[in-house]
């Protein structure tokens, strides 16, 4: 399950709560496309390969550091919270 929440109307940045590998894969693909990058461009930015990005976006095993690098390159970070927690996100000022 992926929940996308708007940060604000001015930035239109989205937040994702991924509770499964498939949902995380969908979130990774969404942030990549929202950042305007192709799989090849993202791969080059993080010194990886396009097939690795493709595997990540299909929910197949990839290294955790590659996942974190991909999210960071797209302007996101990975946050781990207890399941069912209420999350409040405050945009940077």
N, C-alpha and C. Protein backbone atom coordinates (compact mmCIF):
# COMPACT_ATOMS: atom_id res chain seq x y z
N UNK A 1 0.84 -1.17 0.00
CA UNK A 1 0.00 0.00 0.00
C UNK A 1 0.89 1.24 0.00
N UNK A 2 0.64 2.16 -0.88
CA UNK A 2 1.37 3.43 -0.92
C UNK A 2 0.38 4.53 -0.64
N UNK A 3 0.68 5.33 0.36
CA UNK A 3 -0.12 6.51 0.63
C UNK A 3 0.69 7.72 0.22
N UNK A 4 0.16 8.55 -0.63
CA UNK A 4 0.86 9.76 -1.04
C UNK A 4 0.15 10.95 -0.40
N UNK A 5 0.91 11.76 0.29
CA UNK A 5 0.35 12.92 0.97
C UNK A 5 1.01 14.18 0.44
N UNK A 6 0.23 15.19 0.14
CA UNK A 6 0.80 16.46 -0.34
C UNK A 6 1.45 17.20 0.81
N UNK A 7 2.65 17.70 0.59
CA UNK A 7 3.37 18.51 1.59
C UNK A 7 2.71 19.88 1.70
N UNK A 8 2.52 20.53 0.57
CA UNK A 8 1.83 21.81 0.55
C UNK A 8 1.40 22.09 -0.89
N UNK A 9 0.52 23.01 -1.03
CA UNK A 9 0.05 23.35 -2.37
C UNK A 9 1.12 24.09 -3.17
N UNK A 10 2.06 24.74 -2.49
CA UNK A 10 3.06 25.52 -3.22
C UNK A 10 4.18 24.64 -3.76
N UNK A 11 4.56 23.60 -3.05
CA UNK A 11 5.68 22.78 -3.51
C UNK A 11 5.23 21.54 -4.26
N UNK A 12 4.04 21.06 -3.97
CA UNK A 12 3.50 19.86 -4.59
C UNK A 12 4.42 18.66 -4.43
N UNK A 13 5.20 18.61 -3.39
CA UNK A 13 6.06 17.47 -3.09
C UNK A 13 5.22 16.40 -2.43
N UNK A 14 5.48 15.16 -2.72
CA UNK A 14 4.66 14.08 -2.20
C UNK A 14 5.46 13.23 -1.23
N UNK A 15 4.74 12.65 -0.25
CA UNK A 15 5.32 11.74 0.71
C UNK A 15 4.68 10.38 0.52
N UNK A 16 5.44 9.34 0.74
CA UNK A 16 4.95 7.99 0.52
C UNK A 16 5.13 7.15 1.77
N UNK A 17 4.09 6.39 2.12
CA UNK A 17 4.18 5.41 3.18
C UNK A 17 4.07 4.06 2.48
N UNK A 18 5.17 3.34 2.47
CA UNK A 18 5.21 2.05 1.78
C UNK A 18 5.27 0.93 2.82
N UNK A 19 4.27 0.06 2.81
CA UNK A 19 4.20 -1.02 3.79
C UNK A 19 4.50 -2.38 3.20
N UNK A 20 5.01 -2.39 1.98
CA UNK A 20 5.40 -3.65 1.34
C UNK A 20 6.50 -3.34 0.33
N UNK A 21 7.17 -4.38 -0.11
CA UNK A 21 8.21 -4.21 -1.11
C UNK A 21 7.62 -3.65 -2.40
N UNK A 22 6.46 -4.15 -2.79
CA UNK A 22 5.82 -3.65 -4.01
C UNK A 22 5.46 -2.17 -3.88
N UNK A 23 4.98 -1.76 -2.71
CA UNK A 23 4.64 -0.36 -2.51
C UNK A 23 5.90 0.52 -2.53
N UNK A 24 6.99 0.02 -1.96
CA UNK A 24 8.25 0.76 -2.00
C UNK A 24 8.73 0.90 -3.44
N UNK A 25 8.61 -0.16 -4.21
CA UNK A 25 9.00 -0.11 -5.62
C UNK A 25 8.19 0.93 -6.38
N UNK A 26 6.90 0.97 -6.13
CA UNK A 26 6.03 1.97 -6.77
C UNK A 26 6.43 3.38 -6.36
N UNK A 27 6.76 3.57 -5.08
CA UNK A 27 7.19 4.88 -4.60
C UNK A 27 8.49 5.31 -5.27
N UNK A 28 9.44 4.39 -5.40
CA UNK A 28 10.71 4.71 -6.05
C UNK A 28 10.47 5.14 -7.50
N UNK A 29 9.63 4.40 -8.21
CA UNK A 29 9.34 4.77 -9.60
C UNK A 29 8.65 6.13 -9.65
N UNK A 30 7.74 6.39 -8.73
CA UNK A 30 7.03 7.67 -8.71
C UNK A 30 7.96 8.85 -8.46
N UNK A 31 8.88 8.70 -7.50
CA UNK A 31 9.78 9.82 -7.22
C UNK A 31 10.77 10.03 -8.36
N UNK A 32 11.16 8.93 -9.02
CA UNK A 32 12.07 9.08 -10.17
C UNK A 32 11.37 9.84 -11.29
N UNK A 33 10.16 9.44 -11.63
CA UNK A 33 9.46 10.11 -12.73
C UNK A 33 9.12 11.55 -12.34
N UNK A 34 8.76 11.79 -11.08
CA UNK A 34 8.47 13.16 -10.62
C UNK A 34 9.71 14.05 -10.69
N UNK A 35 10.88 13.44 -10.53
CA UNK A 35 12.12 14.22 -10.60
C UNK A 35 12.54 14.47 -12.05
N UNK A 36 11.79 13.88 -13.00
CA UNK A 36 12.07 14.11 -14.42
C UNK A 36 13.23 13.31 -14.97
N UNK A 37 13.61 12.23 -14.28
CA UNK A 37 14.75 11.43 -14.72
C UNK A 37 14.29 10.12 -15.34
N UNK A 38 15.04 9.69 -16.33
CA UNK A 38 14.83 8.35 -16.87
C UNK A 38 15.58 7.37 -15.97
N UNK A 39 15.33 6.09 -16.16
CA UNK A 39 16.07 5.09 -15.41
C UNK A 39 17.56 5.21 -15.68
N UNK A 40 17.93 5.45 -16.91
CA UNK A 40 19.35 5.59 -17.28
C UNK A 40 19.98 6.80 -16.62
N UNK A 41 19.26 7.92 -16.59
CA UNK A 41 19.78 9.13 -15.96
C UNK A 41 19.98 8.95 -14.45
N UNK A 42 19.01 8.31 -13.81
CA UNK A 42 19.14 8.06 -12.38
C UNK A 42 20.30 7.11 -12.11
N UNK A 43 20.41 6.07 -12.91
CA UNK A 43 21.50 5.12 -12.75
C UNK A 43 22.86 5.82 -12.86
N UNK A 44 22.99 6.69 -13.85
CA UNK A 44 24.25 7.41 -14.03
C UNK A 44 24.53 8.33 -12.83
N UNK A 45 23.50 8.96 -12.32
CA UNK A 45 23.66 9.88 -11.19
C UNK A 45 24.15 9.18 -9.93
N UNK A 46 23.79 7.91 -9.76
CA UNK A 46 24.19 7.20 -8.55
C UNK A 46 25.25 6.13 -8.83
N UNK A 47 25.82 6.19 -10.04
CA UNK A 47 26.86 5.23 -10.45
C UNK A 47 26.38 3.79 -10.32
N UNK A 48 25.22 3.55 -10.92
CA UNK A 48 24.63 2.23 -10.94
C UNK A 48 24.33 1.89 -12.40
N UNK A 49 23.40 0.97 -12.63
CA UNK A 49 23.03 0.61 -13.99
C UNK A 49 21.52 0.72 -14.17
N UNK A 50 21.09 0.90 -15.42
CA UNK A 50 19.66 0.97 -15.70
C UNK A 50 18.95 -0.31 -15.28
N UNK A 51 19.52 -1.52 -15.54
CA UNK A 51 18.84 -2.73 -15.08
C UNK A 51 18.66 -2.78 -13.56
N UNK A 52 19.59 -2.20 -12.81
CA UNK A 52 19.44 -2.17 -11.35
C UNK A 52 18.26 -1.29 -10.96
N UNK A 53 18.12 -0.14 -11.59
CA UNK A 53 16.99 0.75 -11.32
C UNK A 53 15.69 0.05 -11.69
N UNK A 54 15.68 -0.63 -12.81
CA UNK A 54 14.50 -1.38 -13.24
C UNK A 54 14.13 -2.45 -12.22
N UNK A 55 15.12 -3.19 -11.72
CA UNK A 55 14.85 -4.21 -10.70
C UNK A 55 14.27 -3.59 -9.45
N UNK A 56 14.85 -2.45 -9.04
CA UNK A 56 14.37 -1.76 -7.85
C UNK A 56 12.91 -1.36 -8.01
N UNK A 57 12.56 -0.85 -9.19
CA UNK A 57 11.19 -0.39 -9.45
C UNK A 57 10.21 -1.53 -9.63
N UNK A 58 10.71 -2.74 -9.79
CA UNK A 58 9.84 -3.91 -9.87
C UNK A 58 9.79 -4.68 -8.55
N UNK A 59 10.47 -4.15 -7.53
CA UNK A 59 10.42 -4.78 -6.22
C UNK A 59 11.33 -5.98 -6.07
N UNK A 60 12.31 -6.09 -6.97
CA UNK A 60 13.25 -7.20 -6.89
C UNK A 60 14.43 -6.78 -6.01
N UNK A 61 15.18 -7.75 -5.49
CA UNK A 61 16.27 -7.41 -4.57
C UNK A 61 17.32 -6.48 -5.18
N UNK A 62 17.64 -5.44 -4.42
CA UNK A 62 18.74 -4.53 -4.75
C UNK A 62 19.39 -4.15 -3.43
N UNK A 63 20.60 -3.66 -3.49
CA UNK A 63 21.32 -3.27 -2.29
C UNK A 63 20.63 -2.07 -1.63
N UNK A 64 20.60 -2.08 -0.32
CA UNK A 64 19.98 -0.99 0.42
C UNK A 64 20.64 0.34 0.12
N UNK A 65 21.97 0.35 0.01
CA UNK A 65 22.64 1.62 -0.28
C UNK A 65 22.26 2.16 -1.64
N UNK A 66 21.97 1.30 -2.59
CA UNK A 66 21.53 1.74 -3.92
C UNK A 66 20.14 2.37 -3.83
N UNK A 67 19.26 1.76 -3.04
CA UNK A 67 17.92 2.32 -2.82
C UNK A 67 18.01 3.70 -2.19
N UNK A 68 18.80 3.82 -1.14
CA UNK A 68 18.96 5.10 -0.46
C UNK A 68 19.58 6.14 -1.39
N UNK A 69 20.59 5.75 -2.16
CA UNK A 69 21.21 6.67 -3.11
C UNK A 69 20.21 7.14 -4.16
N UNK A 70 19.38 6.23 -4.65
CA UNK A 70 18.38 6.59 -5.67
C UNK A 70 17.37 7.59 -5.11
N UNK A 71 16.88 7.33 -3.91
CA UNK A 71 15.93 8.25 -3.29
C UNK A 71 16.57 9.62 -3.04
N UNK A 72 17.80 9.61 -2.55
CA UNK A 72 18.51 10.86 -2.28
C UNK A 72 18.71 11.66 -3.56
N UNK A 73 19.08 10.99 -4.64
CA UNK A 73 19.30 11.66 -5.92
C UNK A 73 18.02 12.31 -6.45
N UNK A 74 16.88 11.76 -6.04
CA UNK A 74 15.59 12.31 -6.48
C UNK A 74 15.03 13.32 -5.48
N UNK A 75 15.82 13.62 -4.43
CA UNK A 75 15.40 14.62 -3.47
C UNK A 75 14.56 14.08 -2.33
N UNK A 76 14.65 12.80 -2.05
CA UNK A 76 13.88 12.16 -0.98
C UNK A 76 14.81 11.48 0.01
N UNK A 77 14.26 11.12 1.15
CA UNK A 77 15.00 10.33 2.12
C UNK A 77 14.09 9.24 2.66
N UNK A 78 14.70 8.20 3.17
CA UNK A 78 13.97 7.07 3.73
C UNK A 78 13.84 7.27 5.22
N UNK A 79 12.63 7.19 5.75
CA UNK A 79 12.37 7.34 7.17
C UNK A 79 11.63 6.10 7.64
N UNK A 80 12.08 5.52 8.74
CA UNK A 80 11.45 4.32 9.28
C UNK A 80 10.74 4.70 10.58
N UNK A 81 9.46 4.37 10.64
CA UNK A 81 8.65 4.69 11.82
C UNK A 81 7.83 3.46 12.21
N UNK A 82 7.38 3.41 13.46
CA UNK A 82 6.53 2.28 13.86
C UNK A 82 5.25 2.23 13.02
N UNK A 83 4.84 1.04 12.68
CA UNK A 83 3.63 0.86 11.88
C UNK A 83 2.43 1.49 12.58
N UNK A 84 1.62 2.17 11.81
CA UNK A 84 0.41 2.80 12.32
C UNK A 84 0.64 4.16 12.95
N UNK A 85 1.88 4.62 12.95
CA UNK A 85 2.19 5.92 13.56
C UNK A 85 1.57 7.04 12.74
N UNK A 86 1.22 8.10 13.44
CA UNK A 86 0.77 9.30 12.78
C UNK A 86 2.01 10.12 12.48
N UNK A 87 2.18 10.50 11.23
CA UNK A 87 3.38 11.21 10.80
C UNK A 87 2.99 12.63 10.44
N UNK A 88 3.71 13.58 11.02
CA UNK A 88 3.53 14.98 10.69
C UNK A 88 4.80 15.45 10.01
N UNK A 89 4.65 15.96 8.81
CA UNK A 89 5.80 16.45 8.05
C UNK A 89 5.73 17.95 7.96
N UNK A 90 6.80 18.58 8.38
CA UNK A 90 6.88 20.03 8.33
C UNK A 90 7.85 20.39 7.21
N UNK A 91 7.38 21.11 6.20
CA UNK A 91 8.26 21.48 5.09
C UNK A 91 9.41 22.35 5.58
N UNK A 92 10.58 22.24 4.94
CA UNK A 92 11.68 23.10 5.32
C UNK A 92 11.34 24.56 5.05
N UNK A 93 11.85 25.42 5.88
CA UNK A 93 11.53 26.85 5.70
C UNK A 93 12.57 27.55 4.88
